[in-house]
């Protein structure tokens, strides 16, 4: 079955920031909060970029702002797992050095992307990925904030958890990103968040953070903290993914896009074809193709593309001046 990919490309001849707040069927009542969160995140990135910070540091600050906002399924707005706990994943990559850092299944980090960023340097190539208690112990040893899990649980997600507790097993993870999913599963967010950056020196970075899917089993890991799947960057491009994590990981979506750019393929064309390919190759038990979205940047343009009903995204460059925010399909 064919899928409709909504995509756009904008020329880029210098630094720029592109951010997403998740690709799914975002309900109308959540649109204003999503726009506010995207604008807040872009402003954080603008400040970091104007200070001359490197791409990876800018990306981390942008994603941290999204984690802290509360509108998205990341950080303090995360969905709860089957035990009623927030369990978070995040990853970041610097394109110039190919250094990355990832944390996963953490329950006491309000801004897991900042810990992933610290791990990228402090791990010194020996440790790049940490899970659960190990990641939290690393954060504490580095003097970073460690919080109670209850501090990450918002009323919106408490209410959803209570509803879903009585509906266990009625839907498949992949359905989170399709139109017409019951309100208990959609309202408020399947909003994996992410950012791609090109800095003043032409360096790229990508970062992604999530609370995962609603009512997920404890310990479930999707694509977001996996380099090559949820995020990837090198000297040529950077990509952050969002959508059905198991499918994104299977096709190594972010790396597939970057690799094709290395080989000379147009960024918009490869973003579109990779999403079409994933939809064709991977289906859920009901035969519905895998849906996802991505944001990407290379040396000549920024691109967003998605197969879901909506995707929250925002774009800014010093040359443009204004922040462009979109959620709807074009």
C-alpha atoms as a PDB file:
ATOM      1  CA  UNK A   1       0.000   0.000   0.000  1.00  0.00           C
ATOM      2  CA  UNK A   2       1.388   3.414  -0.987  1.00  0.00           C
ATOM      3  CA  UNK A   3       1.951   6.086   1.642  1.00  0.00           C
ATOM      4  CA  UNK A   4       1.790   9.851   1.321  1.00  0.00           C
ATOM      5  CA  UNK A   5       5.023  11.513   2.437  1.00  0.00           C
ATOM      6  CA  UNK A   6       4.723  15.176   3.363  1.00  0.00           C
ATOM      7  CA  UNK A   7       8.100  16.886   2.966  1.00  0.00           C
ATOM      8  CA  UNK A   8       9.730  20.245   2.375  1.00  0.00           C
ATOM      9  CA  UNK A   9      13.240  21.595   1.876  1.00  0.00           C
ATOM     10  CA  UNK A  10      14.698  25.019   2.577  1.00  0.00           C
ATOM     11  CA  UNK A  11      18.040  26.341   1.306  1.00  0.00           C
ATOM     12  CA  UNK A  12      20.817  26.737   3.850  1.00  0.00           C
ATOM     13  CA  UNK A  13      24.134  28.518   3.361  1.00  0.00           C
ATOM     14  CA  UNK A  14      25.206  28.909   6.983  1.00  0.00           C
ATOM     15  CA  UNK A  15      24.212  27.910  10.516  1.00  0.00           C
ATOM     16  CA  UNK A  16      20.701  26.698  11.233  1.00  0.00           C
ATOM     17  CA  UNK A  17      18.491  24.849  13.716  1.00  0.00           C
ATOM     18  CA  UNK A  18      15.650  22.446  12.879  1.00  0.00           C
ATOM     19  CA  UNK A  19      13.612  20.909  15.693  1.00  0.00           C
ATOM     20  CA  UNK A  20      10.731  18.436  15.913  1.00  0.00           C
ATOM     21  CA  UNK A  21       8.206  17.715  18.633  1.00  0.00           C
ATOM     22  CA  UNK A  22       7.025  14.355  17.340  1.00  0.00           C
ATOM     23  CA  UNK A  23       5.233  12.851  14.344  1.00  0.00           C
ATOM     24  CA  UNK A  24       1.742  11.485  15.098  1.00  0.00           C
ATOM     25  CA  UNK A  25      -1.941  12.460  15.096  1.00  0.00           C
ATOM     26  CA  UNK A  26      -1.505  15.501  17.346  1.00  0.00           C
ATOM     27  CA  UNK A  27      -4.954  16.518  18.694  1.00  0.00           C
ATOM     28  CA  UNK A  28      -6.238  20.048  18.099  1.00  0.00           C
ATOM     29  CA  UNK A  29      -6.270  20.903  21.793  1.00  0.00           C
ATOM     30  CA  UNK A  30      -2.525  20.244  22.035  1.00  0.00           C
ATOM     31  CA  UNK A  31      -1.451  22.440  19.106  1.00  0.00           C
ATOM     32  CA  UNK A  32      -0.954  25.679  21.046  1.00  0.00           C
ATOM     33  CA  UNK A  33       1.266  24.000  23.653  1.00  0.00           C
ATOM     34  CA  UNK A  34       3.284  22.333  20.907  1.00  0.00           C
ATOM     35  CA  UNK A  35       3.882  25.639  19.141  1.00  0.00           C
ATOM     36  CA  UNK A  36       4.897  27.269  22.405  1.00  0.00           C
ATOM     37  CA  UNK A  37       7.314  24.454  23.182  1.00  0.00           C
ATOM     38  CA  UNK A  38       8.906  24.590  19.740  1.00  0.00           C
ATOM     39  CA  UNK A  39       9.382  28.356  19.970  1.00  0.00           C
ATOM     40  CA  UNK A  40      10.898  28.059  23.442  1.00  0.00           C
ATOM     41  CA  UNK A  41      13.324  25.413  22.193  1.00  0.00           C
ATOM     42  CA  UNK A  42      14.369  27.444  19.151  1.00  0.00           C
ATOM     43  CA  UNK A  43      15.014  30.464  21.371  1.00  0.00           C
ATOM     44  CA  UNK A  44      17.292  28.331  23.560  1.00  0.00           C
ATOM     45  CA  UNK A  45      19.145  27.226  20.443  1.00  0.00           C
ATOM     46  CA  UNK A  46      19.443  30.757  19.091  1.00  0.00           C
ATOM     47  CA  UNK A  47      21.030  31.912  22.327  1.00  0.00           C
ATOM     48  CA  UNK A  48      23.523  29.037  22.323  1.00  0.00           C
ATOM     49  CA  UNK A  49      24.372  29.538  18.648  1.00  0.00           C
ATOM     50  CA  UNK A  50      24.861  33.292  19.109  1.00  0.00           C
ATOM     51  CA  UNK A  51      27.345  32.539  21.891  1.00  0.00           C
ATOM     52  CA  UNK A  52      29.379  30.510  19.415  1.00  0.00           C
ATOM     53  CA  UNK A  53      28.621  27.144  20.994  1.00  0.00           C
ATOM     54  CA  UNK A  54      29.392  24.018  18.982  1.00  0.00           C
ATOM     55  CA  UNK A  55      26.631  22.112  17.203  1.00  0.00           C
ATOM     56  CA  UNK A  56      26.380  19.332  19.810  1.00  0.00           C
ATOM     57  CA  UNK A  57      26.014  21.819  22.661  1.00  0.00           C
ATOM     58  CA  UNK A  58      23.346  23.747  20.771  1.00  0.00           C
ATOM     59  CA  UNK A  59      21.416  20.546  20.015  1.00  0.00           C
ATOM     60  CA  UNK A  60      21.572  19.487  23.664  1.00  0.00           C
ATOM     61  CA  UNK A  61      20.200  22.836  24.858  1.00  0.00           C
ATOM     62  CA  UNK A  62      17.358  22.752  22.335  1.00  0.00           C
ATOM     63  CA  UNK A  63      16.306  19.243  23.327  1.00  0.00           C
ATOM     64  CA  UNK A  64      16.679  20.025  27.041  1.00  0.00           C
ATOM     65  CA  UNK A  65      14.216  22.896  26.565  1.00  0.00           C
ATOM     66  CA  UNK A  66      11.728  20.478  25.004  1.00  0.00           C
ATOM     67  CA  UNK A  67      12.260  17.976  27.842  1.00  0.00           C
ATOM     68  CA  UNK A  68      11.539  20.702  30.400  1.00  0.00           C
ATOM     69  CA  UNK A  69       8.509  22.214  28.670  1.00  0.00           C
ATOM     70  CA  UNK A  70       5.946  19.569  29.630  1.00  0.00           C
ATOM     71  CA  UNK A  71       3.983  19.460  26.363  1.00  0.00           C
ATOM     72  CA  UNK A  72       5.962  16.586  24.889  1.00  0.00           C
ATOM     73  CA  UNK A  73       6.588  12.903  25.571  1.00  0.00           C
ATOM     74  CA  UNK A  74      10.067  13.601  26.917  1.00  0.00           C
ATOM     75  CA  UNK A  75      11.481  14.695  30.258  1.00  0.00           C
ATOM     76  CA  UNK A  76       8.782  16.160  32.502  1.00  0.00           C
ATOM     77  CA  UNK A  77       5.951  15.370  30.085  1.00  0.00           C
ATOM     78  CA  UNK A  78       6.835  11.727  29.479  1.00  0.00           C
ATOM     79  CA  UNK A  79       4.273   8.979  29.146  1.00  0.00           C
ATOM     80  CA  UNK A  80       4.246   6.354  31.874  1.00  0.00           C
ATOM     81  CA  UNK A  81       5.104   2.688  31.534  1.00  0.00           C
ATOM     82  CA  UNK A  82       3.045  -0.246  32.803  1.00  0.00           C
ATOM     83  CA  UNK A  83       4.341   0.366  36.327  1.00  0.00           C
ATOM     84  CA  UNK A  84       3.180   3.985  36.257  1.00  0.00           C
ATOM     85  CA  UNK A  85       6.728   5.337  36.058  1.00  0.00           C
ATOM     86  CA  UNK A  86       8.423   7.707  33.636  1.00  0.00           C
ATOM     87  CA  UNK A  87      11.291   5.875  31.935  1.00  0.00           C
ATOM     88  CA  UNK A  88      13.320   7.985  29.523  1.00  0.00           C
ATOM     89  CA  UNK A  89      15.772   7.542  26.635  1.00  0.00           C
ATOM     90  CA  UNK A  90      17.994  10.082  24.858  1.00  0.00           C
ATOM     91  CA  UNK A  91      20.941  10.210  22.490  1.00  0.00           C
ATOM     92  CA  UNK A  92      23.184  12.780  20.815  1.00  0.00           C
ATOM     93  CA  UNK A  93      25.935  12.706  18.177  1.00  0.00           C
ATOM     94  CA  UNK A  94      28.618  15.111  16.989  1.00  0.00           C
ATOM     95  CA  UNK A  95      29.201  14.807  13.264  1.00  0.00           C
ATOM     96  CA  UNK A  96      32.763  16.129  13.180  1.00  0.00           C
ATOM     97  CA  UNK A  97      34.152  13.547  15.612  1.00  0.00           C
ATOM     98  CA  UNK A  98      31.484  10.818  15.308  1.00  0.00           C
ATOM     99  CA  UNK A  99      31.317  10.906  19.102  1.00  0.00           C
ATOM    100  CA  UNK A 100      27.949  10.041  20.610  1.00  0.00           C
ATOM    101  CA  UNK A 101      26.330   9.502  23.981  1.00  0.00           C
ATOM    102  CA  UNK A 102      23.128   7.673  24.908  1.00  0.00           C
ATOM    103  CA  UNK A 103      21.186   6.987  28.078  1.00  0.00           C
ATOM    104  CA  UNK A 104      18.182   4.693  28.250  1.00  0.00           C
ATOM    105  CA  UNK A 105      15.546   3.435  30.670  1.00  0.00           C
ATOM    106  CA  UNK A 106      16.446   6.180  33.142  1.00  0.00           C
ATOM    107  CA  UNK A 107      13.911   7.118  35.802  1.00  0.00           C
ATOM    108  CA  UNK A 108      15.619   9.902  37.762  1.00  0.00           C
ATOM    109  CA  UNK A 109      16.947  12.301  35.116  1.00  0.00           C
ATOM    110  CA  UNK A 110      14.796  15.307  34.200  1.00  0.00           C
ATOM    111  CA  UNK A 111      17.066  16.168  31.260  1.00  0.00           C
ATOM    112  CA  UNK A 112      18.534  12.905  29.989  1.00  0.00           C
ATOM    113  CA  UNK A 113      19.900  14.639  26.878  1.00  0.00           C
ATOM    114  CA  UNK A 114      22.306  16.651  29.035  1.00  0.00           C
ATOM    115  CA  UNK A 115      23.588  13.457  30.612  1.00  0.00           C
ATOM    116  CA  UNK A 116      23.998  11.884  27.167  1.00  0.00           C
ATOM    117  CA  UNK A 117      25.928  14.980  26.091  1.00  0.00           C
ATOM    118  CA  UNK A 118      28.207  14.731  29.140  1.00  0.00           C
ATOM    119  CA  UNK A 119      28.745  11.021  28.480  1.00  0.00           C
ATOM    120  CA  UNK A 120      29.819  11.849  24.937  1.00  0.00           C
ATOM    121  CA  UNK A 121      32.895  13.583  26.378  1.00  0.00           C
ATOM    122  CA  UNK A 122      33.415  12.026  29.804  1.00  0.00           C
ATOM    123  CA  UNK A 123      33.165   8.473  28.478  1.00  0.00           C
ATOM    124  CA  UNK A 124      36.308   9.117  26.401  1.00  0.00           C
ATOM    125  CA  UNK A 125      35.337   6.487  23.894  1.00  0.00           C
ATOM    126  CA  UNK A 126      35.243   3.680  26.463  1.00  0.00           C
ATOM    127  CA  UNK A 127      31.615   4.223  27.462  1.00  0.00           C
ATOM    128  CA  UNK A 128      29.072   5.688  25.047  1.00  0.00           C
ATOM    129  CA  UNK A 129      25.793   4.161  26.243  1.00  0.00           C
ATOM    130  CA  UNK A 130      24.499   3.703  29.783  1.00  0.00           C
ATOM    131  CA  UNK A 131      21.180   2.295  30.971  1.00  0.00           C
ATOM    132  CA  UNK A 132      19.051   2.721  34.066  1.00  0.00           C
ATOM    133  CA  UNK A 133      20.836   2.975  37.397  1.00  0.00           C
ATOM    134  CA  UNK A 134      24.248   3.103  35.743  1.00  0.00           C
ATOM    135  CA  UNK A 135      23.310   6.255  33.830  1.00  0.00           C
ATOM    136  CA  UNK A 136      21.875   7.825  36.974  1.00  0.00           C
ATOM    137  CA  UNK A 137      25.014   7.002  38.956  1.00  0.00           C
ATOM    138  CA  UNK A 138      27.126   8.552  36.198  1.00  0.00           C
ATOM    139  CA  UNK A 139      25.025  11.727  36.328  1.00  0.00           C
ATOM    140  CA  UNK A 140      25.376  11.977  40.098  1.00  0.00           C
ATOM    141  CA  UNK A 141      29.144  11.419  39.913  1.00  0.00           C
ATOM    142  CA  UNK A 142      29.352  14.240  37.366  1.00  0.00           C
ATOM    143  CA  UNK A 143      27.477  16.586  39.706  1.00  0.00           C
ATOM    144  CA  UNK A 144      24.357  16.605  37.548  1.00  0.00           C
ATOM    145  CA  UNK A 145      20.786  16.748  38.834  1.00  0.00           C
ATOM    146  CA  UNK A 146      19.112  13.489  39.898  1.00  0.00           C
ATOM    147  CA  UNK A 147      15.421  13.717  40.860  1.00  0.00           C
ATOM    148  CA  UNK A 148      12.639  11.535  42.228  1.00  0.00           C
ATOM    149  CA  UNK A 149      10.623   9.774  39.533  1.00  0.00           C
ATOM    150  CA  UNK A 150       7.490  11.432  40.854  1.00  0.00           C
ATOM    151  CA  UNK A 151       8.928  14.790  39.804  1.00  0.00           C
ATOM    152  CA  UNK A 152       8.736  13.610  36.182  1.00  0.00           C
ATOM    153  CA  UNK A 153       5.079  12.532  36.337  1.00  0.00           C
ATOM    154  CA  UNK A 154       2.540  15.124  35.187  1.00  0.00           C
ATOM    155  CA  UNK A 155      -1.220  15.052  35.790  1.00  0.00           C
ATOM    156  CA  UNK A 156      -1.982  14.556  32.095  1.00  0.00           C
ATOM    157  CA  UNK A 157       0.029  11.340  31.992  1.00  0.00           C
ATOM    158  CA  UNK A 158      -1.293  10.128  35.348  1.00  0.00           C
ATOM    159  CA  UNK A 159      -4.791  10.366  33.905  1.00  0.00           C
ATOM    160  CA  UNK A 160      -3.800   8.546  30.719  1.00  0.00           C
ATOM    161  CA  UNK A 161      -2.088   5.802  32.715  1.00  0.00           C
ATOM    162  CA  UNK A 162      -5.221   5.220  34.795  1.00  0.00           C
ATOM    163  CA  UNK A 163      -7.322   4.881  31.633  1.00  0.00           C
ATOM    164  CA  UNK A 164      -4.865   2.623  29.850  1.00  0.00           C
ATOM    165  CA  UNK A 165      -4.472   0.376  32.897  1.00  0.00           C
ATOM    166  CA  UNK A 166      -7.948  -0.939  32.150  1.00  0.00           C
ATOM    167  CA  UNK A 167      -7.278  -1.342  28.428  1.00  0.00           C
ATOM    168  CA  UNK A 168      -4.039  -3.337  28.413  1.00  0.00           C
ATOM    169  CA  UNK A 169      -3.414  -5.243  25.209  1.00  0.00           C
ATOM    170  CA  UNK A 170      -6.011  -3.442  23.094  1.00  0.00           C
ATOM    171  CA  UNK A 171      -3.600  -1.749  20.689  1.00  0.00           C
ATOM    172  CA  UNK A 172      -0.211  -2.193  19.055  1.00  0.00           C
ATOM    173  CA  UNK A 173       2.679   0.227  19.625  1.00  0.00           C
ATOM    174  CA  UNK A 174       2.717   1.151  15.944  1.00  0.00           C
ATOM    175  CA  UNK A 175      -0.859   2.451  16.140  1.00  0.00           C
ATOM    176  CA  UNK A 176       0.325   5.364  18.262  1.00  0.00           C
ATOM    177  CA  UNK A 177       1.329   7.138  15.066  1.00  0.00           C
ATOM    178  CA  UNK A 178      -1.770   6.461  12.943  1.00  0.00           C
ATOM    179  CA  UNK A 179      -4.922   8.585  12.579  1.00  0.00           C
ATOM    180  CA  UNK A 180      -8.049   7.685  14.507  1.00  0.00           C
ATOM    181  CA  UNK A 181      -6.393   6.134  17.570  1.00  0.00           C
ATOM    182  CA  UNK A 182      -8.538   6.306  20.744  1.00  0.00           C
ATOM    183  CA  UNK A 183      -8.178   9.519  22.741  1.00  0.00           C
ATOM    184  CA  UNK A 184      -6.596   7.803  25.736  1.00  0.00           C
ATOM    185  CA  UNK A 185      -3.669   6.768  23.573  1.00  0.00           C
ATOM    186  CA  UNK A 186      -3.141  10.025  21.672  1.00  0.00           C
ATOM    187  CA  UNK A 187      -4.163  13.146  23.537  1.00  0.00           C
ATOM    188  CA  UNK A 188      -1.068  14.796  24.931  1.00  0.00           C
ATOM    189  CA  UNK A 189       1.668  13.124  23.076  1.00  0.00           C
ATOM    190  CA  UNK A 190       3.695  10.547  21.313  1.00  0.00           C
ATOM    191  CA  UNK A 191       6.126  13.373  21.011  1.00  0.00           C
ATOM    192  CA  UNK A 192       9.631  12.068  20.775  1.00  0.00           C
ATOM    193  CA  UNK A 193      11.593  15.311  20.433  1.00  0.00           C
ATOM    194  CA  UNK A 194      14.696  16.015  18.419  1.00  0.00           C
ATOM    195  CA  UNK A 195      17.010  18.583  16.902  1.00  0.00           C
ATOM    196  CA  UNK A 196      19.561  18.866  14.113  1.00  0.00           C
ATOM    197  CA  UNK A 197      22.059  21.716  13.971  1.00  0.00           C
ATOM    198  CA  UNK A 198      24.645  23.167  11.658  1.00  0.00           C
ATOM    199  CA  UNK A 199      26.882  25.570  13.591  1.00  0.00           C
ATOM    200  CA  UNK A 200      28.932  28.571  12.482  1.00  0.00           C
ATOM    201  CA  UNK A 201      31.897  26.368  11.624  1.00  0.00           C
ATOM    202  CA  UNK A 202      29.806  24.073   9.437  1.00  0.00           C
ATOM    203  CA  UNK A 203      29.739  21.225  11.957  1.00  0.00           C
ATOM    204  CA  UNK A 204      26.644  19.052  12.363  1.00  0.00           C
ATOM    205  CA  UNK A 205      24.938  17.434  15.353  1.00  0.00           C
ATOM    206  CA  UNK A 206      21.750  15.474  16.009  1.00  0.00           C
ATOM    207  CA  UNK A 207      19.911  14.791  19.272  1.00  0.00           C
ATOM    208  CA  UNK A 208      16.738  12.888  20.195  1.00  0.00           C
ATOM    209  CA  UNK A 209      14.852  12.301  23.472  1.00  0.00           C
ATOM    210  CA  UNK A 210      11.679  10.411  24.416  1.00  0.00           C
ATOM    211  CA  UNK A 211       9.533   8.916  27.120  1.00  0.00           C
ATOM    212  CA  UNK A 212       8.555   6.104  24.759  1.00  0.00           C
ATOM    213  CA  UNK A 213       5.149   4.772  23.834  1.00  0.00           C
ATOM    214  CA  UNK A 214       2.101   4.802  26.139  1.00  0.00           C
ATOM    215  CA  UNK A 215       1.892   2.010  28.729  1.00  0.00           C
ATOM    216  CA  UNK A 216       5.094   0.409  27.450  1.00  0.00           C
ATOM    217  CA  UNK A 217       6.622  -2.595  29.246  1.00  0.00           C
ATOM    218  CA  UNK A 218       9.312  -1.575  31.752  1.00  0.00           C
ATOM    219  CA  UNK A 219      12.686  -1.542  30.038  1.00  0.00           C
ATOM    220  CA  UNK A 220      11.325  -1.151  26.506  1.00  0.00           C
ATOM    221  CA  UNK A 221      13.799   0.704  24.282  1.00  0.00           C
ATOM    222  CA  UNK A 222      12.827   2.190  20.936  1.00  0.00           C
ATOM    223  CA  UNK A 223      14.957   3.961  18.356  1.00  0.00           C
ATOM    224  CA  UNK A 224      15.591   7.260  20.131  1.00  0.00           C
ATOM    225  CA  UNK A 225      18.829   6.405  22.022  1.00  0.00           C
ATOM    226  CA  UNK A 226      20.231   4.217  19.236  1.00  0.00           C
ATOM    227  CA  UNK A 227      22.853   5.885  17.010  1.00  0.00           C
ATOM    228  CA  UNK A 228      21.972   5.327  13.379  1.00  0.00           C
ATOM    229  CA  UNK A 229      18.291   4.817  14.144  1.00  0.00           C
ATOM    230  CA  UNK A 230      16.922   7.675  16.247  1.00  0.00           C
ATOM    231  CA  UNK A 231      19.781  10.030  15.437  1.00  0.00           C
ATOM    232  CA  UNK A 232      22.960  10.236  13.382  1.00  0.00           C
ATOM    233  CA  UNK A 233      25.446  12.877  12.267  1.00  0.00           C
ATOM    234  CA  UNK A 234      28.714  13.013  10.365  1.00  0.00           C
ATOM    235  CA  UNK A 235      30.670  15.654   8.436  1.00  0.00           C
ATOM    236  CA  UNK A 236      28.009  15.793   5.713  1.00  0.00           C
ATOM    237  CA  UNK A 237      24.615  15.762   7.428  1.00  0.00           C
ATOM    238  CA  UNK A 238      22.563  15.157  10.578  1.00  0.00           C
ATOM    239  CA  UNK A 239      19.192  13.428  11.122  1.00  0.00           C
ATOM    240  CA  UNK A 240      16.750  13.002  14.028  1.00  0.00           C
ATOM    241  CA  UNK A 241      13.911  10.465  13.708  1.00  0.00           C
ATOM    242  CA  UNK A 242      10.477  10.120  15.300  1.00  0.00           C
ATOM    243  CA  UNK A 243       7.719   7.512  14.969  1.00  0.00           C
ATOM    244  CA  UNK A 244       7.372   3.758  15.417  1.00  0.00           C
ATOM    245  CA  UNK A 245      10.692   3.045  17.096  1.00  0.00           C
ATOM    246  CA  UNK A 246      10.957  -0.655  16.392  1.00  0.00           C
ATOM    247  CA  UNK A 247      10.535  -0.030  12.658  1.00  0.00           C
ATOM    248  CA  UNK A 248      12.928   2.929  12.633  1.00  0.00           C
ATOM    249  CA  UNK A 249      15.576   0.787  14.322  1.00  0.00           C
ATOM    250  CA  UNK A 250      15.044  -2.068  11.866  1.00  0.00           C
ATOM    251  CA  UNK A 251      15.829   0.105   8.841  1.00  0.00           C
ATOM    252  CA  UNK A 252      18.466   2.208  10.659  1.00  0.00           C
ATOM    253  CA  UNK A 253      16.591   5.251   9.383  1.00  0.00           C
ATOM    254  CA  UNK A 254      18.875   8.123  10.397  1.00  0.00           C
ATOM    255  CA  UNK A 255      22.045   6.456   9.130  1.00  0.00           C
ATOM    256  CA  UNK A 256      20.353   5.405   5.889  1.00  0.00           C
ATOM    257  CA  UNK A 257      19.590   9.039   5.095  1.00  0.00           C
ATOM    258  CA  UNK A 258      23.059  10.314   6.001  1.00  0.00           C
ATOM    259  CA  UNK A 259      24.793   7.546   4.062  1.00  0.00           C
ATOM    260  CA  UNK A 260      22.845   8.404   0.917  1.00  0.00           C
ATOM    261  CA  UNK A 261      23.780  12.076   1.295  1.00  0.00           C
ATOM    262  CA  UNK A 262      27.438  11.006   1.427  1.00  0.00           C
ATOM    263  CA  UNK A 263      26.893   9.297  -1.910  1.00  0.00           C
ATOM    264  CA  UNK A 264      25.445  12.447  -3.480  1.00  0.00           C
ATOM    265  CA  UNK A 265      21.688  11.892  -3.188  1.00  0.00           C
ATOM    266  CA  UNK A 266      19.424  14.902  -2.629  1.00  0.00           C
ATOM    267  CA  UNK A 267      18.506  15.181   1.054  1.00  0.00           C
ATOM    268  CA  UNK A 268      14.793  15.676   0.417  1.00  0.00           C
ATOM    269  CA  UNK A 269      14.656  12.836  -2.095  1.00  0.00           C
ATOM    270  CA  UNK A 270      16.362  10.333   0.190  1.00  0.00           C
ATOM    271  CA  UNK A 271      14.287  11.372   3.216  1.00  0.00           C
ATOM    272  CA  UNK A 272      11.136  10.710   1.222  1.00  0.00           C
ATOM    273  CA  UNK A 273      12.306   7.418  -0.267  1.00  0.00           C
ATOM    274  CA  UNK A 274      13.533   6.062   3.091  1.00  0.00           C
ATOM    275  CA  UNK A 275      10.147   6.707   4.707  1.00  0.00           C
ATOM    276  CA  UNK A 276       8.361   5.107   1.759  1.00  0.00           C
ATOM    277  CA  UNK A 277      10.691   2.119   1.928  1.00  0.00           C
ATOM    278  CA  UNK A 278      10.105   1.621   5.654  1.00  0.00           C
ATOM    279  CA  UNK A 279       6.336   1.850   5.218  1.00  0.00           C
ATOM    280  CA  UNK A 280       6.454  -0.767   2.464  1.00  0.00           C
ATOM    281  CA  UNK A 281       8.759  -3.228   4.214  1.00  0.00           C
ATOM    282  CA  UNK A 282       7.428  -3.183   7.786  1.00  0.00           C
ATOM    283  CA  UNK A 283       3.804  -3.653   8.848  1.00  0.00           C
ATOM    284  CA  UNK A 284       2.076  -4.058  12.173  1.00  0.00           C
ATOM    285  CA  UNK A 285      -0.111  -7.130  12.886  1.00  0.00           C
ATOM    286  CA  UNK A 286      -3.059  -5.419  11.158  1.00  0.00           C
ATOM    287  CA  UNK A 287      -1.067  -4.972   7.965  1.00  0.00           C
ATOM    288  CA  UNK A 288      -0.620  -1.227   8.375  1.00  0.00           C
ATOM    289  CA  UNK A 289       2.713   0.120   7.169  1.00  0.00           C
ATOM    290  CA  UNK A 290       5.185   1.718   9.572  1.00  0.00           C
ATOM    291  CA  UNK A 291       4.790   5.477   9.990  1.00  0.00           C
ATOM    292  CA  UNK A 292       7.492   7.933  11.017  1.00  0.00           C
ATOM    293  CA  UNK A 293       9.016  11.332  10.444  1.00  0.00           C
ATOM    294  CA  UNK A 294      12.456  12.904  10.401  1.00  0.00           C
ATOM    295  CA  UNK A 295      14.294  16.193  10.281  1.00  0.00           C
ATOM    296  CA  UNK A 296      17.624  16.559   8.510  1.00  0.00           C
ATOM    297  CA  UNK A 297      20.283  19.093   7.561  1.00  0.00           C
ATOM    298  CA  UNK A 298      23.214  18.969   5.159  1.00  0.00           C
ATOM    299  CA  UNK A 299      25.498  21.582   3.595  1.00  0.00           C
ATOM    300  CA  UNK A 300      22.871  23.065   1.301  1.00  0.00           C
ATOM    301  CA  UNK A 301      19.428  22.578   2.862  1.00  0.00           C
ATOM    302  CA  UNK A 302      17.262  21.594   5.792  1.00  0.00           C
ATOM    303  CA  UNK A 303      14.494  19.045   5.270  1.00  0.00           C
ATOM    304  CA  UNK A 304      11.548  17.622   7.142  1.00  0.00           C
ATOM    305  CA  UNK A 305       9.493  14.646   6.013  1.00  0.00           C
ATOM    306  CA  UNK A 306       6.758  12.528   7.620  1.00  0.00           C
ATOM    307  CA  UNK A 307       4.062   9.954   6.892  1.00  0.00           C
ATOM    308  CA  UNK A 308       1.940  10.600   9.988  1.00  0.00           C
ATOM    309  CA  UNK A 309      -1.148  12.878  10.093  1.00  0.00           C
ATOM    310  CA  UNK A 310       0.856  15.709  11.687  1.00  0.00           C
ATOM    311  CA  UNK A 311       4.404  16.504  12.786  1.00  0.00           C
ATOM    312  CA  UNK A 312       5.410  19.429  14.979  1.00  0.00           C
ATOM    313  CA  UNK A 313       8.518  21.138  13.601  1.00  0.00           C
ATOM    314  CA  UNK A 314      10.300  24.492  13.659  1.00  0.00           C
ATOM    315  CA  UNK A 315      13.185  26.003  11.717  1.00  0.00           C
ATOM    316  CA  UNK A 316      15.446  29.016  12.204  1.00  0.00           C
ATOM    317  CA  UNK A 317      18.583  30.476  10.669  1.00  0.00           C
ATOM    318  CA  UNK A 318      20.288  33.821  11.360  1.00  0.00           C
ATOM    319  CA  UNK A 319      19.775  34.712   7.692  1.00  0.00           C
ATOM    320  CA  UNK A 320      15.980  34.202   7.888  1.00  0.00           C
ATOM    321  CA  UNK A 321      15.558  35.876  11.248  1.00  0.00           C
ATOM    322  CA  UNK A 322      12.035  34.645  11.951  1.00  0.00           C
ATOM    323  CA  UNK A 323      11.128  31.257  13.410  1.00  0.00           C
ATOM    324  CA  UNK A 324       9.067  29.075  11.083  1.00  0.00           C
ATOM    325  CA  UNK A 325       6.725  26.740  12.989  1.00  0.00           C
ATOM    326  CA  UNK A 326       4.486  24.153  11.301  1.00  0.00           C
ATOM    327  CA  UNK A 327       2.425  21.187  12.460  1.00  0.00           C
ATOM    328  CA  UNK A 328      -0.024  20.446   9.646  1.00  0.00           C
ATOM    329  CA  UNK A 329       0.582  18.667   6.370  1.00  0.00           C
ATOM    330  CA  UNK A 330       1.098  20.927   3.381  1.00  0.00           C
END
